[in-house]
Amino acid sequence: MRIIDSHTEGEPTRVIIDGGPDLGSGSLQERRQRFKEQYDSVRSTAINEPRGSEAIVGALLCEPVDPTCAAGVIFFNNTGYLGMCGHGAMGVAVTLYYQGRIELGDCRLETPVGIIEVNLLSPNKVAIENVPSYRYRKNVSLNVPELGTVVGDIAWGGNWFFLVEQSPFALTLQNVKPLTDAAQRIRSELERQQITGANEAEIDHIEFFGPGEAFDARSRNFVYCPGGAYDRSPCGTGTSAKLACLAADGKLQPHEPWIQESIIGSRFIASYREVSDQHIIPTITGTAFICSKGQLIQQPDDPFRFGITVEGPA
């Protein structure tokens, strides 16, 4: 299995460029389900230790259904599959350029949740126009063990988020452990109370906010991802969900820039255009850099050839 690794504002993306599973034809949603049901060992091999880590998001390139798209892409992580991934889409664009498959300028990527418009501004700077994003519920109150009352919004930005405006802890790298523990407690309470996104979709991302540290940053965040890792970048889908909430509250106008800072200090520049009273189209701009390329090897006697999971050998 041949791969190219990149990072987008510190968050890694591993693109499978050859040797991945043949998922056949059909929509990207159907092929993602086929990936999950028949080839999940490929996901675990590519992402989990000893070849990967919990922070890596994987991307499988495949033929798009829409011929105007440069590629179809299915995103996945250490525990499962994603609808969209903002930092990952930037990493895929930079990877395709590195391979000579696209040129600078506009292209499109097809994902299981819709088509992403990409503007490759330089070999490393990418602007993506994300899927329509919206706030689903405002000011949802939870009584969370050891945290007390937590209030947040539920919003869609390509994945489902519970967004907490007042972080329970200072947004510093020294607080990653208590922030992670708090996010896990909130996610468990959402599940326990059967609080979901639209159509009973699981809310699998938790996002905390606080003031930015850079002079021009509008906000700083901590994003808890489905597999338990935190996002090193400001999170493209999470920033999209944030913009949807800001737009719904009238706190950010169309085309007004919003600089979102991550917990490691990296940043996305974001803005939106309106589609309707309920939905916006976010544009997220960041930088991605190629880190490495290589081949993942599975020796037949290796007990961890399919990766290490909580159960042991995959």
C-alpha atoms as a PDB file:
ATOM      1  CA  MET A   1       0.000   0.000   0.000  1.00  0.00           C
ATOM      2  CA  ARG A   2       1.591   3.260  -1.141  1.00  0.00           C
ATOM      3  CA  ILE A   3       0.910   6.413   0.843  1.00  0.00           C
ATOM      4  CA  ILE A   4       1.755  10.111   0.938  1.00  0.00           C
ATOM      5  CA  ASP A   5       1.653  11.900   4.297  1.00  0.00           C
ATOM      6  CA  SER A   6       1.021  15.591   4.785  1.00  0.00           C
ATOM      7  CA  HIS A   7       0.009  17.875   7.610  1.00  0.00           C
ATOM      8  CA  THR A   8      -2.471  20.732   7.506  1.00  0.00           C
ATOM      9  CA  GLU A   9      -1.748  23.309  10.193  1.00  0.00           C
ATOM     10  CA  GLY A  10      -0.195  20.505  12.238  1.00  0.00           C
ATOM     11  CA  GLU A  11      -2.880  17.848  11.727  1.00  0.00           C
ATOM     12  CA  PRO A  12      -1.705  14.837   9.681  1.00  0.00           C
ATOM     13  CA  THR A  13      -3.393  13.315   6.634  1.00  0.00           C
ATOM     14  CA  ARG A  14      -2.349   9.973   5.120  1.00  0.00           C
ATOM     15  CA  VAL A  15      -3.504   9.548   1.521  1.00  0.00           C
ATOM     16  CA  ILE A  16      -3.617   6.032   0.085  1.00  0.00           C
ATOM     17  CA  ILE A  17      -2.495   6.539  -3.507  1.00  0.00           C
ATOM     18  CA  ASP A  18      -2.108   2.880  -4.546  1.00  0.00           C
ATOM     19  CA  GLY A  19      -2.826  -0.577  -3.164  1.00  0.00           C
ATOM     20  CA  GLY A  20      -6.074   0.304  -1.456  1.00  0.00           C
ATOM     21  CA  PRO A  21      -9.266  -1.748  -1.795  1.00  0.00           C
ATOM     22  CA  ASP A  22     -11.324  -1.734  -4.977  1.00  0.00           C
ATOM     23  CA  LEU A  23     -14.701  -0.527  -3.737  1.00  0.00           C
ATOM     24  CA  GLY A  24     -16.432  -0.975  -7.070  1.00  0.00           C
ATOM     25  CA  SER A  25     -19.037   1.459  -8.377  1.00  0.00           C
ATOM     26  CA  GLY A  26     -21.901   3.356  -6.828  1.00  0.00           C
ATOM     27  CA  SER A  27     -22.155   6.524  -4.780  1.00  0.00           C
ATOM     28  CA  LEU A  28     -19.422   7.551  -2.363  1.00  0.00           C
ATOM     29  CA  GLN A  29     -21.835   6.760   0.490  1.00  0.00           C
ATOM     30  CA  GLU A  30     -22.288   3.221  -0.828  1.00  0.00           C
ATOM     31  CA  ARG A  31     -18.573   2.751  -1.320  1.00  0.00           C
ATOM     32  CA  ARG A  32     -17.823   4.084   2.164  1.00  0.00           C
ATOM     33  CA  GLN A  33     -20.233   1.505   3.580  1.00  0.00           C
ATOM     34  CA  ARG A  34     -18.551  -1.214   1.498  1.00  0.00           C
ATOM     35  CA  PHE A  35     -15.170  -0.056   2.808  1.00  0.00           C
ATOM     36  CA  LYS A  36     -16.489  -0.316   6.377  1.00  0.00           C
ATOM     37  CA  GLU A  37     -18.112  -3.714   5.984  1.00  0.00           C
ATOM     38  CA  GLN A  38     -15.567  -5.533   3.814  1.00  0.00           C
ATOM     39  CA  TYR A  39     -12.199  -3.784   4.082  1.00  0.00           C
ATOM     40  CA  ASP A  40     -11.994  -2.266   7.543  1.00  0.00           C
ATOM     41  CA  SER A  41      -8.649  -3.995   8.094  1.00  0.00           C
ATOM     42  CA  VAL A  42      -7.211  -1.613   5.470  1.00  0.00           C
ATOM     43  CA  ARG A  43      -8.319   1.351   7.562  1.00  0.00           C
ATOM     44  CA  SER A  44      -6.799  -0.147  10.698  1.00  0.00           C
ATOM     45  CA  THR A  45      -3.556  -1.056   8.914  1.00  0.00           C
ATOM     46  CA  ALA A  46      -3.084   2.445   7.531  1.00  0.00           C
ATOM     47  CA  ILE A  47      -4.045   4.438  10.617  1.00  0.00           C
ATOM     48  CA  ASN A  48      -3.417   2.504  13.814  1.00  0.00           C
ATOM     49  CA  GLU A  49      -0.094   1.776  15.473  1.00  0.00           C
ATOM     50  CA  PRO A  50       2.507   0.515  14.703  1.00  0.00           C
ATOM     51  CA  ARG A  51       2.302   2.254  11.295  1.00  0.00           C
ATOM     52  CA  GLY A  52       0.204   5.247  12.318  1.00  0.00           C
ATOM     53  CA  SER A  53      -1.223   7.050  15.338  1.00  0.00           C
ATOM     54  CA  GLU A  54      -4.544   8.260  16.715  1.00  0.00           C
ATOM     55  CA  ALA A  55      -3.972  11.748  15.265  1.00  0.00           C
ATOM     56  CA  ILE A  56      -3.794  10.673  11.617  1.00  0.00           C
ATOM     57  CA  VAL A  57      -6.796  10.987   9.329  1.00  0.00           C
ATOM     58  CA  GLY A  58      -6.711   8.693   6.316  1.00  0.00           C
ATOM     59  CA  ALA A  59      -7.977   9.406   2.821  1.00  0.00           C
ATOM     60  CA  LEU A  60      -8.673   6.788   0.187  1.00  0.00           C
ATOM     61  CA  LEU A  61      -8.654   8.141  -3.360  1.00  0.00           C
ATOM     62  CA  CYS A  62     -11.200   6.625  -5.725  1.00  0.00           C
ATOM     63  CA  GLU A  63     -12.965   7.392  -8.975  1.00  0.00           C
ATOM     64  CA  PRO A  64     -15.567  10.145  -8.545  1.00  0.00           C
ATOM     65  CA  VAL A  65     -19.146   9.697  -9.679  1.00  0.00           C
ATOM     66  CA  ASP A  66     -19.196  13.291 -10.915  1.00  0.00           C
ATOM     67  CA  PRO A  67     -16.772  13.555 -13.856  1.00  0.00           C
ATOM     68  CA  THR A  68     -16.089  17.230 -13.077  1.00  0.00           C
ATOM     69  CA  CYS A  69     -14.267  16.181  -9.883  1.00  0.00           C
ATOM     70  CA  ALA A  70     -10.522  15.566  -9.787  1.00  0.00           C
ATOM     71  CA  ALA A  71     -11.017  12.638  -7.394  1.00  0.00           C
ATOM     72  CA  GLY A  72     -13.397  10.956  -5.029  1.00  0.00           C
ATOM     73  CA  VAL A  73     -12.169  10.661  -1.456  1.00  0.00           C
ATOM     74  CA  ILE A  74     -13.300   8.698   1.592  1.00  0.00           C
ATOM     75  CA  PHE A  75     -11.947   9.929   4.935  1.00  0.00           C
ATOM     76  CA  PHE A  76     -11.380   7.699   7.963  1.00  0.00           C
ATOM     77  CA  ASN A  77      -9.606   7.703  11.318  1.00  0.00           C
ATOM     78  CA  ASN A  78      -8.455   5.338  14.052  1.00  0.00           C
ATOM     79  CA  THR A  79     -11.963   4.149  14.909  1.00  0.00           C
ATOM     80  CA  GLY A  80     -14.124   4.633  11.837  1.00  0.00           C
ATOM     81  CA  TYR A  81     -15.238   6.766   8.923  1.00  0.00           C
ATOM     82  CA  LEU A  82     -15.936  10.477   8.458  1.00  0.00           C
ATOM     83  CA  GLY A  83     -18.382  12.361   6.278  1.00  0.00           C
ATOM     84  CA  MET A  84     -15.958  15.145   5.417  1.00  0.00           C
ATOM     85  CA  CYS A  85     -12.638  16.387   6.697  1.00  0.00           C
ATOM     86  CA  GLY A  86     -11.578  19.978   6.108  1.00  0.00           C
ATOM     87  CA  HIS A  87      -7.903  19.642   6.928  1.00  0.00           C
ATOM     88  CA  GLY A  88      -7.900  16.323   5.068  1.00  0.00           C
ATOM     89  CA  ALA A  89      -9.358  17.910   1.921  1.00  0.00           C
ATOM     90  CA  MET A  90      -6.513  20.438   2.003  1.00  0.00           C
ATOM     91  CA  GLY A  91      -4.022  17.624   2.454  1.00  0.00           C
ATOM     92  CA  VAL A  92      -5.531  15.704  -0.463  1.00  0.00           C
ATOM     93  CA  ALA A  93      -5.334  18.786  -2.716  1.00  0.00           C
ATOM     94  CA  VAL A  94      -1.672  19.388  -1.879  1.00  0.00           C
ATOM     95  CA  THR A  95      -0.962  15.681  -2.407  1.00  0.00           C
ATOM     96  CA  LEU A  96      -2.649  15.640  -5.822  1.00  0.00           C
ATOM     97  CA  TYR A  97      -0.592  18.675  -6.836  1.00  0.00           C
ATOM     98  CA  TYR A  98       2.587  17.027  -5.555  1.00  0.00           C
ATOM     99  CA  GLN A  99       1.769  14.036  -7.780  1.00  0.00           C
ATOM    100  CA  GLY A 100       1.151  16.266 -10.798  1.00  0.00           C
ATOM    101  CA  ARG A 101      -2.517  15.253 -10.978  1.00  0.00           C
ATOM    102  CA  ILE A 102      -3.893  18.785 -10.600  1.00  0.00           C
ATOM    103  CA  GLU A 103      -2.628  22.276 -11.294  1.00  0.00           C
ATOM    104  CA  LEU A 104      -2.860  25.457  -9.262  1.00  0.00           C
ATOM    105  CA  GLY A 105      -6.326  26.968  -9.320  1.00  0.00           C
ATOM    106  CA  ASP A 106      -9.779  25.465  -9.030  1.00  0.00           C
ATOM    107  CA  CYS A 107     -10.755  21.807  -8.812  1.00  0.00           C
ATOM    108  CA  ARG A 108     -13.408  19.718  -7.103  1.00  0.00           C
ATOM    109  CA  LEU A 109     -13.332  16.759  -4.724  1.00  0.00           C
ATOM    110  CA  GLU A 110     -16.273  14.395  -4.229  1.00  0.00           C
ATOM    111  CA  THR A 111     -16.936  13.153  -0.684  1.00  0.00           C
ATOM    112  CA  PRO A 112     -19.705  10.988   0.790  1.00  0.00           C
ATOM    113  CA  VAL A 113     -21.499  14.139   2.018  1.00  0.00           C
ATOM    114  CA  GLY A 114     -21.113  16.278  -1.084  1.00  0.00           C
ATOM    115  CA  ILE A 115     -18.754  17.998  -3.498  1.00  0.00           C
ATOM    116  CA  ILE A 116     -16.050  20.287  -2.153  1.00  0.00           C
ATOM    117  CA  GLU A 117     -14.812  23.199  -4.237  1.00  0.00           C
ATOM    118  CA  VAL A 118     -11.042  23.589  -3.919  1.00  0.00           C
ATOM    119  CA  ASN A 119      -8.871  26.557  -4.861  1.00  0.00           C
ATOM    120  CA  LEU A 120      -5.189  25.661  -4.715  1.00  0.00           C
ATOM    121  CA  LEU A 121      -3.691  29.106  -4.212  1.00  0.00           C
ATOM    122  CA  SER A 122      -0.077  27.867  -4.106  1.00  0.00           C
ATOM    123  CA  PRO A 123       1.619  24.457  -3.755  1.00  0.00           C
ATOM    124  CA  ASN A 124       0.816  24.661  -0.031  1.00  0.00           C
ATOM    125  CA  LYS A 125      -2.034  27.137   0.459  1.00  0.00           C
ATOM    126  CA  VAL A 126      -5.563  25.842  -0.057  1.00  0.00           C
ATOM    127  CA  ALA A 127      -9.043  27.333   0.175  1.00  0.00           C
ATOM    128  CA  ILE A 128     -11.940  24.893   0.337  1.00  0.00           C
ATOM    129  CA  GLU A 129     -15.608  25.728  -0.084  1.00  0.00           C
ATOM    130  CA  ASN A 130     -17.298  23.240   2.195  1.00  0.00           C
ATOM    131  CA  VAL A 131     -20.713  21.570   2.089  1.00  0.00           C
ATOM    132  CA  PRO A 132     -23.725  23.602   3.315  1.00  0.00           C
ATOM    133  CA  SER A 133     -23.474  23.997   7.082  1.00  0.00           C
ATOM    134  CA  TYR A 134     -26.095  24.914   9.661  1.00  0.00           C
ATOM    135  CA  ARG A 135     -26.987  25.074  13.335  1.00  0.00           C
ATOM    136  CA  TYR A 136     -29.461  22.398  14.310  1.00  0.00           C
ATOM    137  CA  ARG A 137     -30.148  23.301  17.971  1.00  0.00           C
ATOM    138  CA  LYS A 138     -29.121  26.225  20.170  1.00  0.00           C
ATOM    139  CA  ASN A 139     -28.329  26.311  23.888  1.00  0.00           C
ATOM    140  CA  VAL A 140     -28.682  22.629  24.660  1.00  0.00           C
ATOM    141  CA  SER A 141     -28.146  22.206  28.405  1.00  0.00           C
ATOM    142  CA  LEU A 142     -26.512  19.108  29.857  1.00  0.00           C
ATOM    143  CA  ASN A 143     -25.825  18.145  33.461  1.00  0.00           C
ATOM    144  CA  VAL A 144     -22.458  16.412  33.064  1.00  0.00           C
ATOM    145  CA  PRO A 145     -20.857  14.438  35.920  1.00  0.00           C
ATOM    146  CA  GLU A 146     -17.885  16.325  37.443  1.00  0.00           C
ATOM    147  CA  LEU A 147     -18.484  19.280  35.110  1.00  0.00           C
ATOM    148  CA  GLY A 148     -21.920  20.473  36.155  1.00  0.00           C
ATOM    149  CA  THR A 149     -24.155  22.280  33.703  1.00  0.00           C
ATOM    150  CA  VAL A 150     -22.711  22.556  30.189  1.00  0.00           C
ATOM    151  CA  VAL A 151     -24.481  24.543  27.471  1.00  0.00           C
ATOM    152  CA  GLY A 152     -23.711  24.123  23.783  1.00  0.00           C
ATOM    153  CA  ASP A 153     -25.032  24.301  20.236  1.00  0.00           C
ATOM    154  CA  ILE A 154     -25.449  21.362  17.866  1.00  0.00           C
ATOM    155  CA  ALA A 155     -24.298  22.126  14.327  1.00  0.00           C
ATOM    156  CA  TRP A 156     -23.346  20.422  11.072  1.00  0.00           C
ATOM    157  CA  GLY A 157     -20.211  21.339   9.137  1.00  0.00           C
ATOM    158  CA  GLY A 158     -19.647  18.067   7.301  1.00  0.00           C
ATOM    159  CA  ASN A 159     -19.619  16.207  10.634  1.00  0.00           C
ATOM    160  CA  TRP A 160     -21.808  16.698  13.727  1.00  0.00           C
ATOM    161  CA  PHE A 161     -20.509  18.925  16.528  1.00  0.00           C
ATOM    162  CA  PHE A 162     -21.485  19.962  20.029  1.00  0.00           C
ATOM    163  CA  LEU A 163     -19.987  23.433  20.398  1.00  0.00           C
ATOM    164  CA  VAL A 164     -19.329  24.826  23.885  1.00  0.00           C
ATOM    165  CA  GLU A 165     -18.587  28.553  23.882  1.00  0.00           C
ATOM    166  CA  GLN A 166     -17.004  28.603  27.353  1.00  0.00           C
ATOM    167  CA  SER A 167     -14.290  25.957  27.628  1.00  0.00           C
ATOM    168  CA  PRO A 168     -14.215  24.172  30.989  1.00  0.00           C
ATOM    169  CA  PHE A 169     -10.413  24.549  31.068  1.00  0.00           C
ATOM    170  CA  ALA A 170      -7.892  26.983  29.626  1.00  0.00           C
ATOM    171  CA  LEU A 171      -7.090  26.114  26.005  1.00  0.00           C
ATOM    172  CA  THR A 172      -3.432  25.213  26.412  1.00  0.00           C
ATOM    173  CA  LEU A 173      -1.451  22.121  25.464  1.00  0.00           C
ATOM    174  CA  GLN A 174      -0.836  21.496  29.161  1.00  0.00           C
ATOM    175  CA  ASN A 175      -4.591  20.960  29.543  1.00  0.00           C
ATOM    176  CA  VAL A 176      -5.074  18.428  26.737  1.00  0.00           C
ATOM    177  CA  LYS A 177      -5.784  15.628  29.243  1.00  0.00           C
ATOM    178  CA  PRO A 178      -8.519  17.431  31.260  1.00  0.00           C
ATOM    179  CA  LEU A 179      -9.997  18.867  28.040  1.00  0.00           C
ATOM    180  CA  THR A 180     -10.128  15.393  26.519  1.00  0.00           C
ATOM    181  CA  ASP A 181     -11.697  13.939  29.664  1.00  0.00           C
ATOM    182  CA  ALA A 182     -14.321  16.705  29.706  1.00  0.00           C
ATOM    183  CA  ALA A 183     -15.147  16.172  26.019  1.00  0.00           C
ATOM    184  CA  GLN A 184     -15.501  12.422  26.574  1.00  0.00           C
ATOM    185  CA  ARG A 185     -17.903  13.047  29.463  1.00  0.00           C
ATOM    186  CA  ILE A 186     -19.995  15.402  27.335  1.00  0.00           C
ATOM    187  CA  ARG A 187     -20.124  12.962  24.457  1.00  0.00           C
ATOM    188  CA  SER A 188     -21.172  10.155  26.810  1.00  0.00           C
ATOM    189  CA  GLU A 189     -23.919  12.326  28.276  1.00  0.00           C
ATOM    190  CA  LEU A 190     -25.202  13.252  24.803  1.00  0.00           C
ATOM    191  CA  GLU A 191     -25.362   9.546  24.001  1.00  0.00           C
ATOM    192  CA  ARG A 192     -26.980   8.675  27.337  1.00  0.00           C
ATOM    193  CA  GLN A 193     -29.705  11.280  26.827  1.00  0.00           C
ATOM    194  CA  GLN A 194     -30.096  10.281  23.160  1.00  0.00           C
ATOM    195  CA  ILE A 195     -29.362  13.823  22.014  1.00  0.00           C
ATOM    196  CA  THR A 196     -28.430  13.682  18.337  1.00  0.00           C
ATOM    197  CA  GLY A 197     -28.044  15.670  15.172  1.00  0.00           C
ATOM    198  CA  ALA A 198     -30.642  15.619  12.415  1.00  0.00           C
ATOM    199  CA  ASN A 199     -32.138  12.218  11.544  1.00  0.00           C
ATOM    200  CA  GLU A 200     -30.795  10.785  14.827  1.00  0.00           C
ATOM    201  CA  ALA A 201     -27.182  11.176  13.651  1.00  0.00           C
ATOM    202  CA  GLU A 202     -24.532  10.657  16.296  1.00  0.00           C
ATOM    203  CA  ILE A 203     -22.753  13.783  17.553  1.00  0.00           C
ATOM    204  CA  ASP A 204     -19.180  12.521  17.513  1.00  0.00           C
ATOM    205  CA  HIS A 205     -17.163  15.775  17.718  1.00  0.00           C
ATOM    206  CA  ILE A 206     -16.970  18.053  20.770  1.00  0.00           C
ATOM    207  CA  GLU A 207     -15.583  21.584  20.377  1.00  0.00           C
ATOM    208  CA  PHE A 208     -14.541  23.999  23.129  1.00  0.00           C
ATOM    209  CA  PHE A 209     -13.881  27.699  22.531  1.00  0.00           C
ATOM    210  CA  GLY A 210     -12.045  30.529  24.223  1.00  0.00           C
ATOM    211  CA  PRO A 211     -10.337  33.803  23.316  1.00  0.00           C
ATOM    212  CA  GLY A 212      -7.598  33.737  20.701  1.00  0.00           C
ATOM    213  CA  GLU A 213      -3.996  34.263  21.727  1.00  0.00           C
ATOM    214  CA  ALA A 214      -2.708  35.849  18.493  1.00  0.00           C
ATOM    215  CA  PHE A 215      -3.638  39.528  18.183  1.00  0.00           C
ATOM    216  CA  ASP A 216      -5.850  38.935  15.141  1.00  0.00           C
ATOM    217  CA  ALA A 217      -7.396  35.577  16.122  1.00  0.00           C
ATOM    218  CA  ARG A 218     -11.123  35.800  16.792  1.00  0.00           C
ATOM    219  CA  SER A 219     -11.243  32.537  18.737  1.00  0.00           C
ATOM    220  CA  ARG A 220      -9.175  29.574  19.932  1.00  0.00           C
ATOM    221  CA  ASN A 221     -10.530  26.027  20.001  1.00  0.00           C
ATOM    222  CA  PHE A 222     -10.030  22.478  21.184  1.00  0.00           C
ATOM    223  CA  VAL A 223     -11.675  19.822  19.019  1.00  0.00           C
ATOM    224  CA  TYR A 224     -12.245  16.295  20.301  1.00  0.00           C
ATOM    225  CA  CYS A 225     -12.413  13.801  17.434  1.00  0.00           C
ATOM    226  CA  PRO A 226     -14.390  10.530  17.293  1.00  0.00           C
ATOM    227  CA  GLY A 227     -11.403   8.294  18.012  1.00  0.00           C
ATOM    228  CA  GLY A 228     -10.417  10.201  21.147  1.00  0.00           C
ATOM    229  CA  ALA A 229      -7.625  12.303  19.622  1.00  0.00           C
ATOM    230  CA  TYR A 230      -7.637  16.094  19.563  1.00  0.00           C
ATOM    231  CA  ASP A 231      -7.354  18.042  16.319  1.00  0.00           C
ATOM    232  CA  ARG A 232      -4.018  19.807  15.990  1.00  0.00           C
ATOM    233  CA  SER A 233      -5.521  22.091  13.348  1.00  0.00           C
ATOM    234  CA  PRO A 234      -8.483  24.419  14.006  1.00  0.00           C
ATOM    235  CA  CYS A 235     -10.638  21.733  12.278  1.00  0.00           C
ATOM    236  CA  GLY A 236     -12.228  22.592   8.945  1.00  0.00           C
ATOM    237  CA  THR A 237     -15.621  21.011   9.586  1.00  0.00           C
ATOM    238  CA  GLY A 238     -15.600  22.338  13.159  1.00  0.00           C
ATOM    239  CA  THR A 239     -14.825  25.862  11.955  1.00  0.00           C
ATOM    240  CA  SER A 240     -17.650  25.487   9.421  1.00  0.00           C
ATOM    241  CA  ALA A 241     -20.027  24.536  12.243  1.00  0.00           C
ATOM    242  CA  LYS A 242     -18.800  27.528  14.252  1.00  0.00           C
ATOM    243  CA  LEU A 243     -19.471  29.900  11.332  1.00  0.00           C
ATOM    244  CA  ALA A 244     -22.987  28.487  11.013  1.00  0.00           C
ATOM    245  CA  CYS A 245     -23.662  29.352  14.666  1.00  0.00           C
ATOM    246  CA  LEU A 246     -22.144  32.816  14.337  1.00  0.00           C
ATOM    247  CA  ALA A 247     -24.225  33.482  11.223  1.00  0.00           C
ATOM    248  CA  ALA A 248     -27.410  32.262  12.911  1.00  0.00           C
ATOM    249  CA  ASP A 249     -26.794  34.647  15.824  1.00  0.00           C
ATOM    250  CA  GLY A 250     -25.954  37.589  13.553  1.00  0.00           C
ATOM    251  CA  LYS A 251     -22.441  37.805  15.003  1.00  0.00           C
ATOM    252  CA  LEU A 252     -20.625  37.379  11.674  1.00  0.00           C
ATOM    253  CA  GLN A 253     -21.664  38.840   8.360  1.00  0.00           C
ATOM    254  CA  PRO A 254     -21.293  37.160   4.956  1.00  0.00           C
ATOM    255  CA  HIS A 255     -17.729  37.411   3.589  1.00  0.00           C
ATOM    256  CA  GLU A 256     -16.440  38.826   6.905  1.00  0.00           C
ATOM    257  CA  PRO A 257     -13.166  37.047   7.787  1.00  0.00           C
ATOM    258  CA  TRP A 258     -12.936  34.903  10.914  1.00  0.00           C
ATOM    259  CA  ILE A 259      -9.513  33.717  12.069  1.00  0.00           C
ATOM    260  CA  GLN A 260      -9.856  30.488  14.031  1.00  0.00           C
ATOM    261  CA  GLU A 261      -6.849  29.446  16.093  1.00  0.00           C
ATOM    262  CA  SER A 262      -6.143  25.859  17.186  1.00  0.00           C
ATOM    263  CA  ILE A 263      -4.865  24.737  20.550  1.00  0.00           C
ATOM    264  CA  ILE A 264      -1.335  24.569  19.093  1.00  0.00           C
ATOM    265  CA  GLY A 265      -1.613  28.087  17.642  1.00  0.00           C
ATOM    266  CA  SER A 266      -2.098  27.155  13.975  1.00  0.00           C
ATOM    267  CA  ARG A 267      -4.918  28.904  12.138  1.00  0.00           C
ATOM    268  CA  PHE A 268      -7.582  28.847   9.474  1.00  0.00           C
ATOM    269  CA  ILE A 269      -8.991  31.954   7.820  1.00  0.00           C
ATOM    270  CA  ALA A 270     -12.706  31.442   7.312  1.00  0.00           C
ATOM    271  CA  SER A 271     -15.715  33.225   5.876  1.00  0.00           C
ATOM    272  CA  TYR A 272     -19.092  32.261   4.481  1.00  0.00           C
ATOM    273  CA  ARG A 273     -21.741  33.071   1.950  1.00  0.00           C
ATOM    274  CA  GLU A 274     -25.424  32.548   2.580  1.00  0.00           C
ATOM    275  CA  VAL A 275     -27.446  29.896   0.806  1.00  0.00           C
ATOM    276  CA  SER A 276     -30.654  30.301   2.805  1.00  0.00           C
ATOM    277  CA  ASP A 277     -31.756  31.570   6.187  1.00  0.00           C
ATOM    278  CA  GLN A 278     -30.717  28.289   7.748  1.00  0.00           C
ATOM    279  CA  HIS A 279     -27.659  27.224   5.738  1.00  0.00           C
ATOM    280  CA  ILE A 280     -24.332  28.801   4.849  1.00  0.00           C
ATOM    281  CA  ILE A 281     -21.478  27.833   2.552  1.00  0.00           C
ATOM    282  CA  PRO A 282     -18.188  28.184   4.465  1.00  0.00           C
ATOM    283  CA  THR A 283     -14.807  28.828   2.862  1.00  0.00           C
ATOM    284  CA  ILE A 284     -11.808  27.710   4.916  1.00  0.00           C
ATOM    285  CA  THR A 285      -8.227  28.619   3.987  1.00  0.00           C
ATOM    286  CA  GLY A 286      -5.096  27.018   5.426  1.00  0.00           C
ATOM    287  CA  THR A 287      -1.719  25.553   4.555  1.00  0.00           C
ATOM    288  CA  ALA A 288      -0.652  21.947   4.080  1.00  0.00           C
ATOM    289  CA  PHE A 289       2.799  20.447   3.564  1.00  0.00           C
ATOM    290  CA  ILE A 290       4.002  17.077   2.313  1.00  0.00           C
ATOM    291  CA  CYS A 291       5.812  15.200   5.096  1.00  0.00           C
ATOM    292  CA  SER A 292       6.742  11.838   3.613  1.00  0.00           C
ATOM    293  CA  LYS A 293       5.852   9.179   1.105  1.00  0.00           C
ATOM    294  CA  GLY A 294       6.362   5.475   1.296  1.00  0.00           C
ATOM    295  CA  GLN A 295       4.925   1.978   1.334  1.00  0.00           C
ATOM    296  CA  LEU A 296       3.169   0.175   4.169  1.00  0.00           C
ATOM    297  CA  ILE A 297       4.267  -3.443   4.460  1.00  0.00           C
ATOM    298  CA  GLN A 298       2.387  -6.362   6.010  1.00  0.00           C
ATOM    299  CA  GLN A 299       4.488  -9.443   6.737  1.00  0.00           C
ATOM    300  CA  PRO A 300       2.333 -12.570   7.065  1.00  0.00           C
ATOM    301  CA  ASP A 301       3.628 -13.588  10.509  1.00  0.00           C
ATOM    302  CA  ASP A 302       3.228 -10.125  12.019  1.00  0.00           C
ATOM    303  CA  PRO A 303       0.467 -10.351  14.678  1.00  0.00           C
ATOM    304  CA  PHE A 304      -0.098  -6.597  14.268  1.00  0.00           C
ATOM    305  CA  ARG A 305      -0.062  -6.501  10.466  1.00  0.00           C
ATOM    306  CA  PHE A 306      -3.613  -5.063  10.544  1.00  0.00           C
ATOM    307  CA  GLY A 307      -2.801  -2.575  13.291  1.00  0.00           C
ATOM    308  CA  ILE A 308      -3.222  -2.398  17.052  1.00  0.00           C
ATOM    309  CA  THR A 309      -6.710  -1.771  18.404  1.00  0.00           C
ATOM    310  CA  VAL A 310      -8.156  -1.708  21.923  1.00  0.00           C
ATOM    311  CA  GLU A 311      -8.922  -5.408  21.468  1.00  0.00           C
ATOM    312  CA  GLY A 312      -5.293  -6.218  20.574  1.00  0.00           C
ATOM    313  CA  PRO A 313      -4.239  -7.378  17.099  1.00  0.00           C
ATOM    314  CA  ALA A 314      -6.750  -6.119  14.519  1.00  0.00           C
END
